[in-house]
């Protein structure tokens, strides 16, 4: 969590799915309602009325036992989230202290900004926003750390455990290419919807060694320069990334964007091209360049469509593309057999 950021809240997907334990939420709901109605109650209830144990003290004690530290005051006390954020933060920190390396990396990734954007997607089938039962199962299972498959040998020869994480980074898993293709399709459709011509794997942007980025605009994007991007989806839990992912969410995405910039040095240093590496991890953490690219595209979409939610919709579609690719990757470890539990 970056300094100055609010603690993760299950209300906005900070590590959760929005499914709450009512016993943990009850005190926050009661105390915020009590604060909001206190002025009205004071005018109705006689000043001589009293009870042996004031309900606010009992609820406050319950809230404190759940992890609350500093009761909000003033207008903040009337907001349920002001009370509940502290409970969510305490719960999240408790999970982190008990987590192993893989679980810690998963929790930090799930609580990173925009990693849960796909959770808020409206399942509209005609817009291609509906996931299959298997895709939903894998997306939720990866987020909460639930078993997904029966242990089995992968097509590469490695052993896949019940969590199914091996398929996310296995080079022989068929889903990796699908994940890459779907994400690029979302990006280019968004750019075209913003009234800018673009193409995938542009033929005119070869480096001297023949390397080609994933896509580029045909006309100027900004300051007379064309936009070029290259998408990648590093696995947060890969053996080469998990140790750092357990310390800082998004570290795999940041490393992948640095590698992309080094790979396309000529484009990155060109005076006529804006090169944007775009890295989104398998567990949803975003690289800084990917964040800036989608914010730029979202702003253009909002100007063209007049819908200020354009940026949020773009984040949701890219999140869905990654989750669908994850499901295909997990299933692809044994494409001739249904390995899901």
Protein backbone atom coordinates (compact mmCIF):
# COMPACT_ATOMS: atom_id res chain seq x y z
CA UNK A 1 0.00 0.00 0.00
CA UNK A 2 1.48 3.36 -1.00
CA UNK A 3 1.98 6.04 1.69
CA UNK A 4 -1.01 8.31 2.00
CA UNK A 5 -3.46 5.85 0.43
CA UNK A 6 -6.65 4.97 2.26
CA UNK A 7 -6.72 1.52 3.89
CA UNK A 8 -8.25 -1.21 1.74
CA UNK A 9 -12.01 -1.38 1.98
CA UNK A 10 -14.21 -4.27 0.95
CA UNK A 11 -16.72 -1.70 -0.27
CA UNK A 12 -14.49 -0.84 -3.24
CA UNK A 13 -13.03 -4.29 -3.79
CA UNK A 14 -9.92 -3.76 -1.65
CA UNK A 15 -9.05 -7.43 -1.54
CA UNK A 16 -12.58 -8.77 -1.35
CA UNK A 17 -15.64 -9.40 -3.45
CA UNK A 18 -18.12 -7.24 -1.55
CA UNK A 19 -19.44 -10.27 0.38
CA UNK A 20 -19.41 -9.36 4.07
CA UNK A 21 -19.84 -11.05 7.43
CA UNK A 22 -22.88 -9.31 8.90
CA UNK A 23 -21.53 -9.71 12.42
CA UNK A 24 -18.51 -7.56 11.52
CA UNK A 25 -20.65 -4.99 9.72
CA UNK A 26 -23.39 -4.68 12.35
CA UNK A 27 -21.60 -2.36 14.78
CA UNK A 28 -20.50 0.03 12.01
CA UNK A 29 -24.04 0.16 10.58
CA UNK A 30 -25.58 0.80 13.99
CA UNK A 31 -23.09 3.45 15.11
CA UNK A 32 -23.35 5.43 11.86
CA UNK A 33 -27.16 5.30 12.02
CA UNK A 34 -27.06 6.33 15.67
CA UNK A 35 -24.90 9.36 14.86
CA UNK A 36 -27.10 10.36 11.91
CA UNK A 37 -30.35 10.19 13.90
CA UNK A 38 -29.04 11.57 17.20
CA UNK A 39 -30.35 15.15 16.66
CA UNK A 40 -33.86 13.89 15.85
CA UNK A 41 -33.88 11.39 18.71
CA UNK A 42 -32.83 14.07 21.18
CA UNK A 43 -35.90 16.14 20.28
CA UNK A 44 -38.27 13.17 20.63
CA UNK A 45 -36.97 11.23 23.65
CA UNK A 46 -37.38 12.99 27.04
CA UNK A 47 -34.14 14.08 28.65
CA UNK A 48 -35.06 12.12 31.78
CA UNK A 49 -35.11 8.83 29.86
CA UNK A 50 -32.14 6.57 30.49
CA UNK A 51 -31.09 2.93 30.10
CA UNK A 52 -28.71 0.85 32.18
CA UNK A 53 -26.27 0.27 29.32
CA UNK A 54 -26.40 2.95 26.57
CA UNK A 55 -26.61 1.24 23.17
CA UNK A 56 -23.81 3.37 21.76
CA UNK A 57 -21.37 2.13 24.40
CA UNK A 58 -22.27 -1.52 23.77
CA UNK A 59 -21.95 -1.10 20.00
CA UNK A 60 -18.71 0.87 20.39
CA UNK A 61 -17.25 -1.95 22.46
CA UNK A 62 -18.23 -4.47 19.77
CA UNK A 63 -16.73 -2.22 17.07
CA UNK A 64 -13.48 -1.92 19.02
CA UNK A 65 -13.21 -5.69 19.46
CA UNK A 66 -13.54 -6.09 15.70
CA UNK A 67 -10.55 -3.82 15.08
CA UNK A 68 -11.85 -0.26 15.36
CA UNK A 69 -9.35 2.16 16.87
CA UNK A 70 -10.36 5.81 16.46
CA UNK A 71 -14.11 6.50 16.36
CA UNK A 72 -14.95 9.04 13.63
CA UNK A 73 -16.43 12.34 14.76
CA UNK A 74 -18.64 15.03 13.31
CA UNK A 75 -20.12 14.44 9.86
CA UNK A 76 -17.81 11.46 9.32
CA UNK A 77 -19.52 9.63 12.18
CA UNK A 78 -22.75 9.52 10.15
CA UNK A 79 -21.07 7.57 7.32
CA UNK A 80 -21.03 3.81 7.70
CA UNK A 81 -17.88 3.57 5.62
CA UNK A 82 -15.97 5.79 8.06
CA UNK A 83 -16.55 3.17 10.74
CA UNK A 84 -16.20 0.11 8.53
CA UNK A 85 -12.94 1.12 6.83
CA UNK A 86 -11.10 0.55 10.10
CA UNK A 87 -12.60 -2.92 10.49
CA UNK A 88 -11.65 -3.82 6.91
CA UNK A 89 -8.13 -2.55 7.43
CA UNK A 90 -7.74 -4.53 10.66
CA UNK A 91 -9.07 -7.68 9.00
CA UNK A 92 -6.79 -7.22 6.00
CA UNK A 93 -3.71 -6.67 8.18
CA UNK A 94 -4.55 -9.74 10.25
CA UNK A 95 -4.75 -11.84 7.09
CA UNK A 96 -1.37 -10.50 5.97
CA UNK A 97 0.31 -11.45 9.25
CA UNK A 98 -0.96 -15.03 8.91
CA UNK A 99 -0.28 -15.42 5.19
CA UNK A 100 2.48 -17.40 3.53
CA UNK A 101 4.50 -15.92 0.66
CA UNK A 102 2.00 -16.81 -2.07
CA UNK A 103 -1.04 -15.75 -0.06
CA UNK A 104 0.58 -12.45 0.88
CA UNK A 105 1.32 -11.70 -2.79
CA UNK A 106 -2.28 -12.58 -3.65
CA UNK A 107 -3.73 -10.38 -0.91
CA UNK A 108 -1.59 -7.37 -1.84
CA UNK A 109 -2.47 -7.77 -5.52
CA UNK A 110 -6.18 -8.07 -4.75
CA UNK A 111 -6.05 -4.87 -2.70
CA UNK A 112 -4.13 -2.87 -5.32
CA UNK A 113 -5.94 -0.07 -7.21
CA UNK A 114 -8.23 -1.24 -10.04
CA UNK A 115 -7.39 -4.94 -9.60
CA UNK A 116 -11.04 -5.56 -8.79
CA UNK A 117 -12.52 -3.38 -11.54
CA UNK A 118 -13.92 -6.48 -13.26
CA UNK A 119 -16.01 -7.26 -10.15
CA UNK A 120 -18.12 -4.15 -10.85
CA UNK A 121 -18.84 -5.05 -14.49
CA UNK A 122 -22.51 -5.28 -15.38
CA UNK A 123 -23.08 -8.74 -16.96
CA UNK A 124 -24.59 -7.55 -20.24
CA UNK A 125 -24.38 -10.43 -22.71
CA UNK A 126 -24.97 -8.34 -25.86
CA UNK A 127 -21.95 -6.19 -24.96
CA UNK A 128 -19.74 -9.22 -24.40
CA UNK A 129 -19.54 -8.59 -20.67
CA UNK A 130 -20.81 -11.98 -19.47
CA UNK A 131 -18.32 -14.56 -18.25
CA UNK A 132 -18.90 -18.28 -18.32
CA UNK A 133 -19.32 -20.22 -15.09
CA UNK A 134 -15.76 -21.50 -15.42
CA UNK A 135 -14.33 -18.03 -15.97
CA UNK A 136 -16.15 -16.69 -12.91
CA UNK A 137 -14.99 -19.64 -10.85
CA UNK A 138 -11.35 -19.12 -11.78
CA UNK A 139 -11.47 -15.33 -11.32
CA UNK A 140 -12.98 -15.60 -7.85
CA UNK A 141 -10.84 -18.58 -6.88
CA UNK A 142 -7.62 -16.78 -7.79
CA UNK A 143 -8.74 -13.69 -5.87
CA UNK A 144 -9.65 -15.51 -2.64
CA UNK A 145 -7.12 -18.35 -2.87
CA UNK A 146 -9.59 -21.23 -3.27
CA UNK A 147 -8.74 -24.63 -4.83
CA UNK A 148 -9.60 -24.70 -8.53
CA UNK A 149 -8.46 -27.97 -10.07
CA UNK A 150 -7.64 -31.55 -9.28
CA UNK A 151 -3.85 -32.09 -9.00
CA UNK A 152 -2.56 -33.35 -12.34
CA UNK A 153 0.52 -33.29 -14.59
CA UNK A 154 0.74 -30.30 -16.91
CA UNK A 155 1.38 -30.70 -20.62
CA UNK A 156 4.88 -29.36 -19.89
CA UNK A 157 5.55 -32.17 -17.40
CA UNK A 158 5.29 -30.11 -14.21
CA UNK A 159 2.85 -31.02 -11.44
CA UNK A 160 -0.17 -28.72 -11.09
CA UNK A 161 -1.47 -28.43 -7.53
CA UNK A 162 -5.08 -27.81 -6.51
CA UNK A 163 -4.69 -23.99 -6.69
CA UNK A 164 -3.92 -24.18 -10.41
CA UNK A 165 -1.43 -21.30 -10.37
CA UNK A 166 1.05 -23.09 -12.61
CA UNK A 167 -1.08 -22.51 -15.71
CA UNK A 168 -0.90 -18.73 -15.34
CA UNK A 169 2.75 -18.66 -16.40
CA UNK A 170 3.31 -22.00 -18.13
CA UNK A 171 4.62 -21.43 -21.66
CA UNK A 172 2.73 -24.49 -22.90
CA UNK A 173 -0.65 -23.32 -21.59
CA UNK A 174 -2.94 -22.37 -24.48
CA UNK A 175 -4.61 -19.54 -22.57
CA UNK A 176 -1.64 -17.18 -22.48
CA UNK A 177 -2.05 -16.22 -26.14
CA UNK A 178 -5.79 -15.77 -25.74
CA UNK A 179 -5.27 -13.42 -22.79
CA UNK A 180 -2.81 -11.33 -24.79
CA UNK A 181 -5.05 -11.18 -27.86
CA UNK A 182 -8.19 -10.25 -25.92
CA UNK A 183 -6.46 -7.42 -24.05
CA UNK A 184 -5.08 -5.94 -27.26
CA UNK A 185 -8.50 -6.19 -28.87
CA UNK A 186 -10.01 -4.19 -26.00
CA UNK A 187 -7.33 -1.50 -26.32
CA UNK A 188 -7.60 -1.06 -30.08
CA UNK A 189 -11.42 -1.01 -30.01
CA UNK A 190 -11.28 1.71 -27.35
CA UNK A 191 -8.85 3.79 -29.42
CA UNK A 192 -10.98 3.40 -32.54
CA UNK A 193 -14.08 4.35 -30.54
CA UNK A 194 -12.25 7.57 -29.67
CA UNK A 195 -12.17 8.37 -33.43
CA UNK A 196 -8.48 7.55 -33.88
CA UNK A 197 -7.38 5.05 -36.54
CA UNK A 198 -5.15 2.25 -35.24
CA UNK A 199 -3.97 -1.20 -36.22
CA UNK A 200 -2.53 -4.26 -34.49
CA UNK A 201 1.05 -5.36 -35.21
CA UNK A 202 1.78 -2.36 -37.46
CA UNK A 203 3.99 -3.22 -40.44
CA UNK A 204 5.66 0.18 -40.56
CA UNK A 205 7.07 0.06 -37.03
CA UNK A 206 9.79 -2.55 -37.24
CA UNK A 207 12.95 -2.12 -35.22
CA UNK A 208 16.21 -2.96 -36.96
CA UNK A 209 16.00 -6.49 -35.52
CA UNK A 210 12.44 -7.01 -36.76
CA UNK A 211 10.66 -6.60 -33.41
CA UNK A 212 7.11 -5.35 -33.75
CA UNK A 213 4.91 -3.81 -31.01
CA UNK A 214 1.34 -4.96 -30.45
CA UNK A 215 -0.37 -1.91 -31.91
CA UNK A 216 -0.09 1.69 -33.02
CA UNK A 217 -2.25 4.58 -34.13
CA UNK A 218 -2.06 5.49 -37.80
CA UNK A 219 -2.63 9.18 -37.12
CA UNK A 220 -1.17 11.51 -34.50
CA UNK A 221 -2.19 10.84 -30.91
CA UNK A 222 -0.63 13.79 -29.12
CA UNK A 223 1.93 16.52 -29.95
CA UNK A 224 2.07 15.28 -33.54
CA UNK A 225 3.26 11.84 -32.42
CA UNK A 226 1.66 8.46 -33.03
CA UNK A 227 0.87 6.19 -30.10
CA UNK A 228 2.44 2.74 -29.93
CA UNK A 229 1.79 0.18 -27.23
CA UNK A 230 2.89 -3.32 -26.30
CA UNK A 231 0.80 -5.37 -23.86
CA UNK A 232 2.06 -8.00 -21.44
CA UNK A 233 0.54 -9.91 -18.57
CA UNK A 234 3.21 -11.11 -16.10
CA UNK A 235 2.18 -13.67 -13.50
CA UNK A 236 2.12 -12.20 -9.99
CA UNK A 237 2.76 -15.65 -8.52
CA UNK A 238 5.47 -16.91 -10.88
CA UNK A 239 8.59 -18.18 -9.14
CA UNK A 240 10.56 -15.21 -10.48
CA UNK A 241 8.03 -12.66 -9.18
CA UNK A 242 6.32 -14.00 -6.06
CA UNK A 243 8.95 -12.89 -3.54
CA UNK A 244 8.77 -9.27 -4.70
CA UNK A 245 4.99 -9.43 -5.19
CA UNK A 246 4.71 -10.39 -1.52
CA UNK A 247 6.42 -7.10 -0.64
CA UNK A 248 4.93 -4.66 -3.15
CA UNK A 249 1.85 -5.14 -5.30
CA UNK A 250 2.49 -4.35 -8.96
CA UNK A 251 6.22 -5.08 -8.82
CA UNK A 252 5.93 -7.70 -11.58
CA UNK A 253 4.05 -5.24 -13.80
CA UNK A 254 6.64 -2.52 -13.16
CA UNK A 255 9.47 -4.90 -14.06
CA UNK A 256 7.65 -6.03 -17.20
CA UNK A 257 7.16 -2.44 -18.37
CA UNK A 258 10.85 -1.73 -17.85
CA UNK A 259 11.72 -4.78 -19.95
CA UNK A 260 9.35 -3.67 -22.70
CA UNK A 261 10.92 -0.21 -22.76
CA UNK A 262 14.38 -1.77 -23.01
CA UNK A 263 13.19 -4.10 -25.78
CA UNK A 264 11.81 -1.24 -27.85
CA UNK A 265 14.53 1.29 -27.10
CA UNK A 266 14.40 2.79 -30.58
CA UNK A 267 10.67 3.44 -30.34
CA UNK A 268 10.90 4.67 -26.74
CA UNK A 269 13.53 7.24 -27.76
CA UNK A 270 11.86 8.26 -31.01
CA UNK A 271 10.80 11.88 -31.50
CA UNK A 272 7.80 10.82 -33.58
CA UNK A 273 6.38 8.03 -31.43
CA UNK A 274 4.87 7.81 -27.96
CA UNK A 275 5.73 4.32 -26.75
CA UNK A 276 3.55 2.96 -23.93
CA UNK A 277 4.32 -0.43 -22.42
CA UNK A 278 1.12 -1.81 -20.89
CA UNK A 279 1.46 -4.42 -18.14
CA UNK A 280 -1.40 -5.88 -16.11
CA UNK A 281 -0.56 -8.78 -13.83
CA UNK A 282 -2.54 -12.01 -13.75
CA UNK A 283 -3.92 -11.06 -10.33
CA UNK A 284 -4.90 -7.59 -11.53
CA UNK A 285 -2.17 -5.18 -10.43
CA UNK A 286 -1.42 -2.46 -12.99
CA UNK A 287 1.87 -0.97 -14.10
CA UNK A 288 2.18 2.83 -14.06
CA UNK A 289 2.43 3.10 -17.84
CA UNK A 290 -0.70 0.97 -18.25
CA UNK A 291 -2.55 3.21 -15.81
CA UNK A 292 -1.52 6.34 -17.70
CA UNK A 293 -2.35 4.82 -21.10
CA UNK A 294 -5.86 3.78 -20.07
CA UNK A 295 -6.49 7.12 -18.35
CA UNK A 296 -5.51 8.88 -21.58
CA UNK A 297 -7.71 6.63 -23.73
CA UNK A 298 -10.57 6.92 -21.24
CA UNK A 299 -10.40 10.71 -21.29
CA UNK A 300 -10.61 10.74 -25.09
CA UNK A 301 -13.53 8.33 -25.01
CA UNK A 302 -15.33 10.53 -22.50
CA UNK A 303 -14.91 13.57 -24.76
CA UNK A 304 -16.24 11.72 -27.79
CA UNK A 305 -19.08 9.85 -26.09
CA UNK A 306 -19.96 12.38 -23.41
CA UNK A 307 -19.97 9.56 -20.82
CA UNK A 308 -17.65 10.30 -17.87
CA UNK A 309 -17.66 6.57 -16.99
CA UNK A 310 -15.70 5.68 -20.13
CA UNK A 311 -12.45 5.23 -18.23
CA UNK A 312 -14.09 2.95 -15.67
CA UNK A 313 -15.67 0.86 -18.43
CA UNK A 314 -12.27 0.47 -20.12
CA UNK A 315 -10.71 -0.74 -16.86
CA UNK A 316 -13.52 -3.25 -16.44
CA UNK A 317 -13.15 -4.63 -19.97
CA UNK A 318 -9.40 -5.04 -19.62
CA UNK A 319 -9.88 -6.69 -16.24
CA UNK A 320 -12.35 -9.13 -17.79
CA UNK A 321 -9.92 -9.90 -20.62
CA UNK A 322 -7.22 -10.83 -18.10
CA UNK A 323 -9.61 -12.97 -16.05
CA UNK A 324 -10.89 -14.80 -19.13
CA UNK A 325 -7.33 -15.43 -20.21
CA UNK A 326 -6.51 -16.71 -16.73
CA UNK A 327 -9.37 -19.20 -16.94
CA UNK A 328 -8.13 -20.43 -20.33
CA UNK A 329 -4.59 -20.68 -18.96
CA UNK A 330 -5.64 -22.75 -15.96
CA UNK A 331 -7.73 -25.06 -18.17
CA UNK A 332 -4.94 -25.23 -20.76
CA UNK A 333 -2.60 -27.20 -18.50
CA UNK A 334 -4.54 -30.29 -19.55
CA UNK A 335 -6.59 -29.30 -22.62
CA UNK A 336 -7.87 -32.84 -23.26
CA UNK A 337 -9.39 -33.32 -19.82
CA UNK A 338 -11.65 -31.35 -17.48
CA UNK A 339 -9.46 -30.80 -14.43
CA UNK A 340 -11.72 -28.42 -12.52
CA UNK A 341 -13.02 -29.50 -9.12
